[in-house]
Amino acid sequence: MEVLFLGTGAMVPTRERNHSGYLVLHNEETILIDCGEGTQRQLRFAGISATKITRILITHWHGDHVLGLPGLLQSMMANDYHGTIEIYCPDGTGQFFDRMWHSFALQKGDMQIKIHEIKERNFLNTADLSFEAMPMKHSVKCYAYSIKQEDKRKINVDYLKQFGLTRDPILKDLQQGKDIKWKGHAIKASDATFLRKGKKLALVTDTIVNDNIIDIAKDSDLFICESTYAKDMEEKAAGHMHMTSVQAAEMAKKANAKRLMLTHFSQRYKSVLGFKKDASKIFKNVSCAKDLMKVTV
């Protein structure tokens, strides 16, 4: 699972930072989380076609997170996107998409758009991914998301070599956790296989500190968290319902995350080196995201 940072700025974009946008790539899935103004141009810079997007997750409907959506969808239609694009958003907020969509004279092609208002924590399961959402505390209804790979049982090749078993359809039984018999040998799945834990990604943006952050980011391999303000502006951050780099680090530590990436930086900061320095005093494995950076979960 990889994450491409399309936009790491806050309400006002800068020369270096676009409005919010995060692309998650996993096998056949290309999942866009938020679509700030300029997102489709960022995709161009990254060399990724918008028609590859399979799902769109919206954290909330503030302009810096969604104003790129009509243009992106129009381009997908113009480039012959066939099928249905699934868009997920907080419960009760689908009306905002309808209002935005009908504000433009858009030419509709064969593409269908389906809006899903998320009503439960575990809102989607695909063949090998599970998706969760939890409400944050912001000035409008806002959700944080986690995406987790399914755990997979892998074959212990070295162990099976002693039985002369390397390739055979019976290996599927072992992968399903079933004991087998092979050429007179009783082989236990617990000996012949091992469980590879799926990686977990959590993304939290636009919120003040709350316990749901710890819950959604618990044991995550990569925790992407908003860090709009520096340590010395905690009062201003609270007034605008955002967090500081230190607060993000505290959440990462409490959640037992493995890696923290700070994002959603205010335009006031020309450099975010201080963000990393302050956060590192609390949580060691921390980085500051940059536009068009790609990381592996």
C-alpha atoms as a PDB file:
ATOM      1  CA  MET A   1       0.000   0.000   0.000  1.00  0.00           C
ATOM      2  CA  GLU A   2       1.383   3.384  -1.024  1.00  0.00           C
ATOM      3  CA  VAL A   3       0.284   6.949  -0.297  1.00  0.00           C
ATOM      4  CA  LEU A   4       0.861   9.843  -2.679  1.00  0.00           C
ATOM      5  CA  PHE A   5       0.544  13.263  -1.044  1.00  0.00           C
ATOM      6  CA  LEU A   6      -1.222  15.458  -3.590  1.00  0.00           C
ATOM      7  CA  GLY A   7      -1.781  18.396  -1.268  1.00  0.00           C
ATOM      8  CA  THR A   8      -0.343  19.122   2.171  1.00  0.00           C
ATOM      9  CA  GLY A   9      -1.454  22.712   2.711  1.00  0.00           C
ATOM     10  CA  ALA A  10      -4.352  24.113   4.721  1.00  0.00           C
ATOM     11  CA  MET A  11      -7.053  26.639   3.803  1.00  0.00           C
ATOM     12  CA  VAL A  12      -4.820  28.790   1.595  1.00  0.00           C
ATOM     13  CA  PRO A  13      -2.474  27.039  -0.864  1.00  0.00           C
ATOM     14  CA  THR A  14       1.114  28.186  -1.351  1.00  0.00           C
ATOM     15  CA  ARG A  15       3.704  27.786  -4.085  1.00  0.00           C
ATOM     16  CA  GLU A  16       4.886  24.592  -2.417  1.00  0.00           C
ATOM     17  CA  ARG A  17       1.662  23.176  -0.965  1.00  0.00           C
ATOM     18  CA  ASN A  18      -1.629  22.465  -2.705  1.00  0.00           C
ATOM     19  CA  HIS A  19      -5.004  22.067  -1.025  1.00  0.00           C
ATOM     20  CA  SER A  20      -5.710  18.716   0.669  1.00  0.00           C
ATOM     21  CA  GLY A  21      -5.544  15.492  -1.320  1.00  0.00           C
ATOM     22  CA  TYR A  22      -4.173  12.000  -0.628  1.00  0.00           C
ATOM     23  CA  LEU A  23      -4.041   9.093  -3.054  1.00  0.00           C
ATOM     24  CA  VAL A  24      -3.875   5.534  -1.694  1.00  0.00           C
ATOM     25  CA  LEU A  25      -2.684   2.872  -4.135  1.00  0.00           C
ATOM     26  CA  HIS A  26      -3.210  -0.803  -3.383  1.00  0.00           C
ATOM     27  CA  ASN A  27      -3.400  -3.501  -6.079  1.00  0.00           C
ATOM     28  CA  GLU A  28      -6.400  -2.603  -8.258  1.00  0.00           C
ATOM     29  CA  GLU A  29      -7.619   0.154  -5.929  1.00  0.00           C
ATOM     30  CA  THR A  30      -6.729   3.829  -6.381  1.00  0.00           C
ATOM     31  CA  ILE A  31      -8.461   5.684  -3.565  1.00  0.00           C
ATOM     32  CA  LEU A  32      -8.565   9.474  -3.373  1.00  0.00           C
ATOM     33  CA  ILE A  33      -9.087  10.988   0.079  1.00  0.00           C
ATOM     34  CA  ASP A  34     -10.267  14.602  -0.269  1.00  0.00           C
ATOM     35  CA  CYS A  35     -10.029  16.624  -3.447  1.00  0.00           C
ATOM     36  CA  GLY A  36      -8.960  20.192  -2.868  1.00  0.00           C
ATOM     37  CA  GLU A  37      -8.679  22.737  -5.649  1.00  0.00           C
ATOM     38  CA  GLY A  38      -5.883  21.799  -8.061  1.00  0.00           C
ATOM     39  CA  THR A  39      -5.937  18.073  -7.276  1.00  0.00           C
ATOM     40  CA  GLN A  40      -6.257  16.959 -10.894  1.00  0.00           C
ATOM     41  CA  ARG A  41      -3.243  19.076 -11.843  1.00  0.00           C
ATOM     42  CA  GLN A  42      -1.262  17.421  -9.046  1.00  0.00           C
ATOM     43  CA  LEU A  43      -2.219  14.060 -10.526  1.00  0.00           C
ATOM     44  CA  ARG A  44      -0.765  15.251 -13.829  1.00  0.00           C
ATOM     45  CA  PHE A  45       2.511  16.164 -12.159  1.00  0.00           C
ATOM     46  CA  ALA A  46       2.560  12.718 -10.543  1.00  0.00           C
ATOM     47  CA  GLY A  47       1.920  11.001 -13.881  1.00  0.00           C
ATOM     48  CA  ILE A  48      -1.299   9.342 -12.721  1.00  0.00           C
ATOM     49  CA  SER A  49      -4.476   9.396 -14.801  1.00  0.00           C
ATOM     50  CA  ALA A  50      -7.622  10.497 -12.994  1.00  0.00           C
ATOM     51  CA  THR A  51      -9.434   7.624 -14.704  1.00  0.00           C
ATOM     52  CA  LYS A  52      -7.515   5.204 -12.465  1.00  0.00           C
ATOM     53  CA  ILE A  53      -9.412   6.418  -9.390  1.00  0.00           C
ATOM     54  CA  THR A  54     -11.803   3.779  -8.073  1.00  0.00           C
ATOM     55  CA  ARG A  55     -13.168   5.466  -4.928  1.00  0.00           C
ATOM     56  CA  ILE A  56     -13.233   8.918  -3.345  1.00  0.00           C
ATOM     57  CA  LEU A  57     -13.437   9.487   0.411  1.00  0.00           C
ATOM     58  CA  ILE A  58     -14.414  12.949   1.650  1.00  0.00           C
ATOM     59  CA  THR A  59     -13.445  13.911   5.208  1.00  0.00           C
ATOM     60  CA  HIS A  60     -15.691  17.006   5.226  1.00  0.00           C
ATOM     61  CA  TRP A  61     -17.079  19.624   2.871  1.00  0.00           C
ATOM     62  CA  HIS A  62     -14.880  22.645   3.558  1.00  0.00           C
ATOM     63  CA  GLY A  63     -13.707  24.166   0.283  1.00  0.00           C
ATOM     64  CA  ASP A  64     -10.016  23.374   0.686  1.00  0.00           C
ATOM     65  CA  HIS A  65     -10.933  19.683   0.814  1.00  0.00           C
ATOM     66  CA  VAL A  66     -13.528  19.430  -1.982  1.00  0.00           C
ATOM     67  CA  LEU A  67     -13.449  22.327  -4.462  1.00  0.00           C
ATOM     68  CA  GLY A  68     -11.413  20.256  -6.902  1.00  0.00           C
ATOM     69  CA  LEU A  69     -14.118  17.596  -7.098  1.00  0.00           C
ATOM     70  CA  PRO A  70     -16.315  18.985  -9.915  1.00  0.00           C
ATOM     71  CA  GLY A  71     -13.324  19.582 -12.174  1.00  0.00           C
ATOM     72  CA  LEU A  72     -11.847  16.169 -11.445  1.00  0.00           C
ATOM     73  CA  LEU A  73     -15.102  14.372 -12.198  1.00  0.00           C
ATOM     74  CA  GLN A  74     -15.603  16.412 -15.387  1.00  0.00           C
ATOM     75  CA  SER A  75     -12.127  15.402 -16.592  1.00  0.00           C
ATOM     76  CA  MET A  76     -12.802  11.753 -15.769  1.00  0.00           C
ATOM     77  CA  MET A  77     -15.969  11.916 -17.869  1.00  0.00           C
ATOM     78  CA  ALA A  78     -14.164  13.671 -20.731  1.00  0.00           C
ATOM     79  CA  ASN A  79     -11.592  10.877 -20.734  1.00  0.00           C
ATOM     80  CA  ASP A  80     -14.241   8.160 -21.111  1.00  0.00           C
ATOM     81  CA  TYR A  81     -14.374   6.838 -17.552  1.00  0.00           C
ATOM     82  CA  HIS A  82     -16.761   3.891 -17.736  1.00  0.00           C
ATOM     83  CA  GLY A  83     -18.545   2.450 -14.755  1.00  0.00           C
ATOM     84  CA  THR A  84     -19.442   3.924 -11.397  1.00  0.00           C
ATOM     85  CA  ILE A  85     -17.290   6.137  -9.204  1.00  0.00           C
ATOM     86  CA  GLU A  86     -18.094   5.569  -5.532  1.00  0.00           C
ATOM     87  CA  ILE A  87     -17.936   8.640  -3.282  1.00  0.00           C
ATOM     88  CA  TYR A  88     -18.092   8.279   0.510  1.00  0.00           C
ATOM     89  CA  CYS A  89     -18.804  11.113   2.937  1.00  0.00           C
ATOM     90  CA  PRO A  90     -19.998  11.741   6.527  1.00  0.00           C
ATOM     91  CA  ASP A  91     -23.576  10.804   7.327  1.00  0.00           C
ATOM     92  CA  GLY A  92     -26.067  13.520   6.417  1.00  0.00           C
ATOM     93  CA  THR A  93     -23.678  15.496   4.193  1.00  0.00           C
ATOM     94  CA  GLY A  94     -24.463  14.105   0.731  1.00  0.00           C
ATOM     95  CA  GLN A  95     -26.562  17.202   0.100  1.00  0.00           C
ATOM     96  CA  PHE A  96     -23.377  19.250  -0.242  1.00  0.00           C
ATOM     97  CA  PHE A  97     -22.276  17.189  -3.222  1.00  0.00           C
ATOM     98  CA  ASP A  98     -25.682  17.625  -4.876  1.00  0.00           C
ATOM     99  CA  ARG A  99     -25.531  21.389  -4.424  1.00  0.00           C
ATOM    100  CA  MET A 100     -21.997  21.634  -5.759  1.00  0.00           C
ATOM    101  CA  TRP A 101     -22.617  19.254  -8.655  1.00  0.00           C
ATOM    102  CA  HIS A 102     -25.668  21.170  -9.872  1.00  0.00           C
ATOM    103  CA  SER A 103     -23.867  24.515  -9.691  1.00  0.00           C
ATOM    104  CA  PHE A 104     -22.031  23.806 -12.944  1.00  0.00           C
ATOM    105  CA  ALA A 105     -23.126  23.062 -16.496  1.00  0.00           C
ATOM    106  CA  LEU A 106     -21.332  19.729 -16.596  1.00  0.00           C
ATOM    107  CA  GLN A 107     -21.487  17.405 -19.552  1.00  0.00           C
ATOM    108  CA  LYS A 108     -22.256  13.906 -18.361  1.00  0.00           C
ATOM    109  CA  GLY A 109     -20.803  10.912 -20.130  1.00  0.00           C
ATOM    110  CA  ASP A 110     -21.193   7.223 -19.374  1.00  0.00           C
ATOM    111  CA  MET A 111     -19.759   7.577 -15.879  1.00  0.00           C
ATOM    112  CA  GLN A 112     -22.152   7.033 -12.996  1.00  0.00           C
ATOM    113  CA  ILE A 113     -21.674   8.664  -9.597  1.00  0.00           C
ATOM    114  CA  LYS A 114     -22.871   6.998  -6.411  1.00  0.00           C
ATOM    115  CA  ILE A 115     -22.835   8.854  -3.090  1.00  0.00           C
ATOM    116  CA  HIS A 116     -22.550   6.825   0.114  1.00  0.00           C
ATOM    117  CA  GLU A 117     -23.247   8.572   3.407  1.00  0.00           C
ATOM    118  CA  ILE A 118     -21.248   6.700   6.040  1.00  0.00           C
ATOM    119  CA  LYS A 119     -23.481   5.547   8.881  1.00  0.00           C
ATOM    120  CA  GLU A 120     -21.261   3.034  10.684  1.00  0.00           C
ATOM    121  CA  ARG A 121     -17.659   2.718  11.693  1.00  0.00           C
ATOM    122  CA  ASN A 122     -16.749  -0.240   9.450  1.00  0.00           C
ATOM    123  CA  PHE A 123     -18.342   1.142   6.303  1.00  0.00           C
ATOM    124  CA  LEU A 124     -16.644  -0.832   3.549  1.00  0.00           C
ATOM    125  CA  ASN A 125     -14.880  -4.147   2.964  1.00  0.00           C
ATOM    126  CA  THR A 126     -13.310  -5.103  -0.343  1.00  0.00           C
ATOM    127  CA  ALA A 127     -11.503  -8.305  -1.283  1.00  0.00           C
ATOM    128  CA  ASP A 128      -8.431  -7.367   0.752  1.00  0.00           C
ATOM    129  CA  LEU A 129      -9.090  -4.009   2.435  1.00  0.00           C
ATOM    130  CA  SER A 130     -11.271  -2.864   5.317  1.00  0.00           C
ATOM    131  CA  PHE A 131     -12.283   0.771   5.777  1.00  0.00           C
ATOM    132  CA  GLU A 132     -13.270   2.519   8.994  1.00  0.00           C
ATOM    133  CA  ALA A 133     -14.479   6.045   9.787  1.00  0.00           C
ATOM    134  CA  MET A 134     -14.807   7.950  13.033  1.00  0.00           C
ATOM    135  CA  PRO A 135     -16.155  11.461  13.717  1.00  0.00           C
ATOM    136  CA  MET A 136     -13.735  14.232  14.593  1.00  0.00           C
ATOM    137  CA  LYS A 137     -14.318  17.552  16.361  1.00  0.00           C
ATOM    138  CA  HIS A 138     -14.331  20.371  13.819  1.00  0.00           C
ATOM    139  CA  SER A 139     -16.565  23.289  12.878  1.00  0.00           C
ATOM    140  CA  VAL A 140     -18.516  21.007  10.508  1.00  0.00           C
ATOM    141  CA  LYS A 141     -19.137  17.260  10.502  1.00  0.00           C
ATOM    142  CA  CYS A 142     -15.779  15.679   9.730  1.00  0.00           C
ATOM    143  CA  TYR A 143     -14.559  12.073   9.645  1.00  0.00           C
ATOM    144  CA  ALA A 144     -11.138  10.484   9.971  1.00  0.00           C
ATOM    145  CA  TYR A 145     -10.428   7.286   8.049  1.00  0.00           C
ATOM    146  CA  SER A 146      -8.369   4.143   8.372  1.00  0.00           C
ATOM    147  CA  ILE A 147      -7.627   1.602   5.652  1.00  0.00           C
ATOM    148  CA  LYS A 148      -6.255  -1.793   6.640  1.00  0.00           C
ATOM    149  CA  GLN A 149      -5.019  -4.691   4.553  1.00  0.00           C
ATOM    150  CA  GLU A 150      -6.456  -8.075   5.438  1.00  0.00           C
ATOM    151  CA  ASP A 151      -4.114 -10.414   7.297  1.00  0.00           C
ATOM    152  CA  LYS A 152      -2.821 -13.151   4.986  1.00  0.00           C
ATOM    153  CA  ARG A 153      -1.644 -16.665   5.780  1.00  0.00           C
ATOM    154  CA  LYS A 154       1.581 -17.351   3.888  1.00  0.00           C
ATOM    155  CA  ILE A 155       3.235 -20.672   3.107  1.00  0.00           C
ATOM    156  CA  ASN A 156       6.412 -21.599   4.994  1.00  0.00           C
ATOM    157  CA  VAL A 157       8.293 -22.832   1.931  1.00  0.00           C
ATOM    158  CA  ASP A 158      11.398 -23.986   3.803  1.00  0.00           C
ATOM    159  CA  TYR A 159       9.352 -26.113   6.195  1.00  0.00           C
ATOM    160  CA  LEU A 160       7.463 -27.862   3.381  1.00  0.00           C
ATOM    161  CA  LYS A 161      10.598 -28.715   1.415  1.00  0.00           C
ATOM    162  CA  GLN A 162      11.300 -31.613   3.801  1.00  0.00           C
ATOM    163  CA  PHE A 163       8.073 -33.228   2.582  1.00  0.00           C
ATOM    164  CA  GLY A 164       8.795 -32.559  -1.086  1.00  0.00           C
ATOM    165  CA  LEU A 165       5.785 -30.266  -1.207  1.00  0.00           C
ATOM    166  CA  THR A 166       6.489 -27.135  -3.226  1.00  0.00           C
ATOM    167  CA  ARG A 167       3.642 -26.726  -5.679  1.00  0.00           C
ATOM    168  CA  ASP A 168       0.238 -28.350  -5.471  1.00  0.00           C
ATOM    169  CA  PRO A 169      -3.421 -27.243  -5.229  1.00  0.00           C
ATOM    170  CA  ILE A 170      -3.457 -28.669  -1.686  1.00  0.00           C
ATOM    171  CA  LEU A 171      -1.437 -25.640  -0.574  1.00  0.00           C
ATOM    172  CA  LYS A 172      -4.680 -23.652  -0.696  1.00  0.00           C
ATOM    173  CA  ASP A 173      -5.989 -25.764   2.172  1.00  0.00           C
ATOM    174  CA  LEU A 174      -2.979 -24.830   4.263  1.00  0.00           C
ATOM    175  CA  GLN A 175      -3.509 -21.149   3.439  1.00  0.00           C
ATOM    176  CA  GLN A 176      -7.053 -21.512   4.707  1.00  0.00           C
ATOM    177  CA  GLY A 177      -5.706 -22.804   8.004  1.00  0.00           C
ATOM    178  CA  LYS A 178      -6.588 -26.464   7.356  1.00  0.00           C
ATOM    179  CA  ASP A 179      -4.325 -29.379   8.313  1.00  0.00           C
ATOM    180  CA  ILE A 180      -3.500 -31.748   5.416  1.00  0.00           C
ATOM    181  CA  LYS A 181      -2.126 -35.186   4.632  1.00  0.00           C
ATOM    182  CA  TRP A 182       0.602 -35.432   2.003  1.00  0.00           C
ATOM    183  CA  LYS A 183       2.310 -38.677   0.938  1.00  0.00           C
ATOM    184  CA  GLY A 184       1.714 -40.259   4.310  1.00  0.00           C
ATOM    185  CA  HIS A 185       2.661 -37.178   6.314  1.00  0.00           C
ATOM    186  CA  ALA A 186       0.272 -35.248   8.538  1.00  0.00           C
ATOM    187  CA  ILE A 187       1.088 -31.569   8.084  1.00  0.00           C
ATOM    188  CA  LYS A 188      -0.344 -28.974  10.433  1.00  0.00           C
ATOM    189  CA  ALA A 189      -1.258 -25.565   9.071  1.00  0.00           C
ATOM    190  CA  SER A 190       0.173 -23.980  12.210  1.00  0.00           C
ATOM    191  CA  ASP A 191       3.603 -25.401  11.298  1.00  0.00           C
ATOM    192  CA  ALA A 192       3.452 -24.980   7.541  1.00  0.00           C
ATOM    193  CA  THR A 193       2.146 -21.418   7.428  1.00  0.00           C
ATOM    194  CA  PHE A 194       2.567 -18.078   9.161  1.00  0.00           C
ATOM    195  CA  LEU A 195       0.271 -15.074   9.427  1.00  0.00           C
ATOM    196  CA  ARG A 196       1.417 -11.865   7.805  1.00  0.00           C
ATOM    197  CA  LYS A 197      -0.331  -8.923   9.427  1.00  0.00           C
ATOM    198  CA  GLY A 198      -1.899  -6.449   7.036  1.00  0.00           C
ATOM    199  CA  LYS A 199      -0.630  -2.861   7.094  1.00  0.00           C
ATOM    200  CA  LYS A 200      -2.840  -0.100   8.483  1.00  0.00           C
ATOM    201  CA  LEU A 201      -3.058   3.503   7.312  1.00  0.00           C
ATOM    202  CA  ALA A 202      -4.881   6.179   9.337  1.00  0.00           C
ATOM    203  CA  LEU A 203      -5.595   9.734   8.184  1.00  0.00           C
ATOM    204  CA  VAL A 204      -6.839  12.484  10.512  1.00  0.00           C
ATOM    205  CA  THR A 205      -7.434  15.994   9.257  1.00  0.00           C
ATOM    206  CA  ASP A 206      -9.209  19.104  10.563  1.00  0.00           C
ATOM    207  CA  THR A 207      -9.963  18.490  14.220  1.00  0.00           C
ATOM    208  CA  ILE A 208      -9.055  19.375  17.767  1.00  0.00           C
ATOM    209  CA  VAL A 209      -7.674  16.726  20.103  1.00  0.00           C
ATOM    210  CA  ASN A 210     -10.191  13.991  20.934  1.00  0.00           C
ATOM    211  CA  ASP A 211     -10.172  10.322  21.927  1.00  0.00           C
ATOM    212  CA  ASN A 212     -11.466   9.157  18.548  1.00  0.00           C
ATOM    213  CA  ILE A 213      -8.104  10.078  17.047  1.00  0.00           C
ATOM    214  CA  ILE A 214      -6.403   7.528  19.271  1.00  0.00           C
ATOM    215  CA  ASP A 215      -9.046   4.949  18.402  1.00  0.00           C
ATOM    216  CA  ILE A 216      -8.905   5.313  14.610  1.00  0.00           C
ATOM    217  CA  ALA A 217      -5.079   5.468  14.578  1.00  0.00           C
ATOM    218  CA  LYS A 218      -4.525   2.619  17.053  1.00  0.00           C
ATOM    219  CA  ASP A 219      -1.564   0.406  16.056  1.00  0.00           C
ATOM    220  CA  SER A 220      -1.365   2.054  12.618  1.00  0.00           C
ATOM    221  CA  ASP A 221       1.735   1.508  10.518  1.00  0.00           C
ATOM    222  CA  LEU A 222       1.405   4.999   9.044  1.00  0.00           C
ATOM    223  CA  PHE A 223      -0.513   7.763  10.817  1.00  0.00           C
ATOM    224  CA  ILE A 224      -1.056  10.896   8.714  1.00  0.00           C
ATOM    225  CA  CYS A 225      -2.213  13.710  10.967  1.00  0.00           C
ATOM    226  CA  GLU A 226      -3.064  17.350  10.556  1.00  0.00           C
ATOM    227  CA  SER A 227      -0.568  19.775  12.084  1.00  0.00           C
ATOM    228  CA  THR A 228      -1.853  23.152  11.011  1.00  0.00           C
ATOM    229  CA  TYR A 229       0.017  25.157  13.624  1.00  0.00           C
ATOM    230  CA  ALA A 230       3.334  25.056  15.463  1.00  0.00           C
ATOM    231  CA  LYS A 231       3.748  24.356  19.163  1.00  0.00           C
ATOM    232  CA  ASP A 232       3.565  28.012  20.247  1.00  0.00           C
ATOM    233  CA  MET A 233       0.135  28.576  18.658  1.00  0.00           C
ATOM    234  CA  GLU A 234      -1.930  26.034  20.574  1.00  0.00           C
ATOM    235  CA  GLU A 235      -4.547  28.632  21.561  1.00  0.00           C
ATOM    236  CA  LYS A 236      -4.993  29.796  17.965  1.00  0.00           C
ATOM    237  CA  ALA A 237      -5.162  26.176  16.813  1.00  0.00           C
ATOM    238  CA  ALA A 238      -7.974  25.464  19.269  1.00  0.00           C
ATOM    239  CA  GLY A 239      -9.836  28.590  18.162  1.00  0.00           C
ATOM    240  CA  HIS A 240      -9.783  27.397  14.559  1.00  0.00           C
ATOM    241  CA  MET A 241     -10.437  23.782  15.609  1.00  0.00           C
ATOM    242  CA  HIS A 242      -7.089  22.456  14.460  1.00  0.00           C
ATOM    243  CA  MET A 243      -4.047  20.861  16.089  1.00  0.00           C
ATOM    244  CA  THR A 244      -0.370  21.594  16.600  1.00  0.00           C
ATOM    245  CA  SER A 245       2.595  19.378  15.766  1.00  0.00           C
ATOM    246  CA  VAL A 246       3.055  18.511  19.444  1.00  0.00           C
ATOM    247  CA  GLN A 247      -0.596  17.502  19.836  1.00  0.00           C
ATOM    248  CA  ALA A 248      -0.316  15.280  16.751  1.00  0.00           C
ATOM    249  CA  ALA A 249       2.758  13.620  18.261  1.00  0.00           C
ATOM    250  CA  GLU A 250       0.932  13.040  21.538  1.00  0.00           C
ATOM    251  CA  MET A 251      -1.917  11.363  19.660  1.00  0.00           C
ATOM    252  CA  ALA A 252       0.529   9.159  17.732  1.00  0.00           C
ATOM    253  CA  LYS A 253       2.198   8.056  20.954  1.00  0.00           C
ATOM    254  CA  LYS A 254      -1.098   7.240  22.678  1.00  0.00           C
ATOM    255  CA  ALA A 255      -2.293   5.356  19.583  1.00  0.00           C
ATOM    256  CA  ASN A 256       0.895   3.255  19.477  1.00  0.00           C
ATOM    257  CA  ALA A 257       1.415   4.243  15.846  1.00  0.00           C
ATOM    258  CA  LYS A 258       4.629   3.131  14.167  1.00  0.00           C
ATOM    259  CA  ARG A 259       5.176   6.202  12.014  1.00  0.00           C
ATOM    260  CA  LEU A 260       3.754   9.737  12.018  1.00  0.00           C
ATOM    261  CA  MET A 261       3.584  12.075   9.040  1.00  0.00           C
ATOM    262  CA  LEU A 262       2.510  15.645   9.685  1.00  0.00           C
ATOM    263  CA  THR A 263       0.432  17.477   7.076  1.00  0.00           C
ATOM    264  CA  HIS A 264      -2.116  20.291   6.506  1.00  0.00           C
ATOM    265  CA  PHE A 265       0.304  23.133   7.266  1.00  0.00           C
ATOM    266  CA  SER A 266      -0.838  26.750   7.527  1.00  0.00           C
ATOM    267  CA  GLN A 267       0.350  29.144   4.811  1.00  0.00           C
ATOM    268  CA  ARG A 268       2.111  31.223   7.497  1.00  0.00           C
ATOM    269  CA  TYR A 269       5.019  28.748   7.657  1.00  0.00           C
ATOM    270  CA  LYS A 270       7.797  28.971   5.087  1.00  0.00           C
ATOM    271  CA  SER A 271       9.602  26.089   6.805  1.00  0.00           C
ATOM    272  CA  VAL A 272       8.203  23.239   8.889  1.00  0.00           C
ATOM    273  CA  LEU A 273      11.506  22.003  10.312  1.00  0.00           C
ATOM    274  CA  GLY A 274      10.401  23.252  13.718  1.00  0.00           C
ATOM    275  CA  PHE A 275       7.294  21.094  13.497  1.00  0.00           C
ATOM    276  CA  LYS A 276       9.386  17.950  13.206  1.00  0.00           C
ATOM    277  CA  LYS A 277      11.811  19.070  15.913  1.00  0.00           C
ATOM    278  CA  ASP A 278       9.040  19.711  18.445  1.00  0.00           C
ATOM    279  CA  ALA A 279       7.077  16.571  17.584  1.00  0.00           C
ATOM    280  CA  SER A 280      10.208  14.384  17.734  1.00  0.00           C
ATOM    281  CA  LYS A 281      10.626  15.168  21.416  1.00  0.00           C
ATOM    282  CA  ILE A 282       7.423  13.214  22.046  1.00  0.00           C
ATOM    283  CA  PHE A 283       7.264  10.722  19.147  1.00  0.00           C
ATOM    284  CA  LYS A 284      10.522   9.661  17.512  1.00  0.00           C
ATOM    285  CA  ASN A 285       9.483   8.400  14.075  1.00  0.00           C
ATOM    286  CA  VAL A 286       8.010  11.571  12.597  1.00  0.00           C
ATOM    287  CA  SER A 287       8.277  13.278   9.212  1.00  0.00           C
ATOM    288  CA  CYS A 288       6.726  16.290   7.525  1.00  0.00           C
ATOM    289  CA  ALA A 289       4.846  15.540   4.322  1.00  0.00           C
ATOM    290  CA  LYS A 290       5.562  17.361   1.059  1.00  0.00           C
ATOM    291  CA  ASP A 291       3.443  17.645  -2.050  1.00  0.00           C
ATOM    292  CA  LEU A 292       3.988  14.779  -4.527  1.00  0.00           C
ATOM    293  CA  MET A 293       5.851  12.710  -1.947  1.00  0.00           C
ATOM    294  CA  LYS A 294       5.103   8.985  -2.149  1.00  0.00           C
ATOM    295  CA  VAL A 295       5.536   6.710   0.855  1.00  0.00           C
ATOM    296  CA  THR A 296       5.006   3.007   1.430  1.00  0.00           C
ATOM    297  CA  VAL A 297       2.849   2.015   4.386  1.00  0.00           C
END
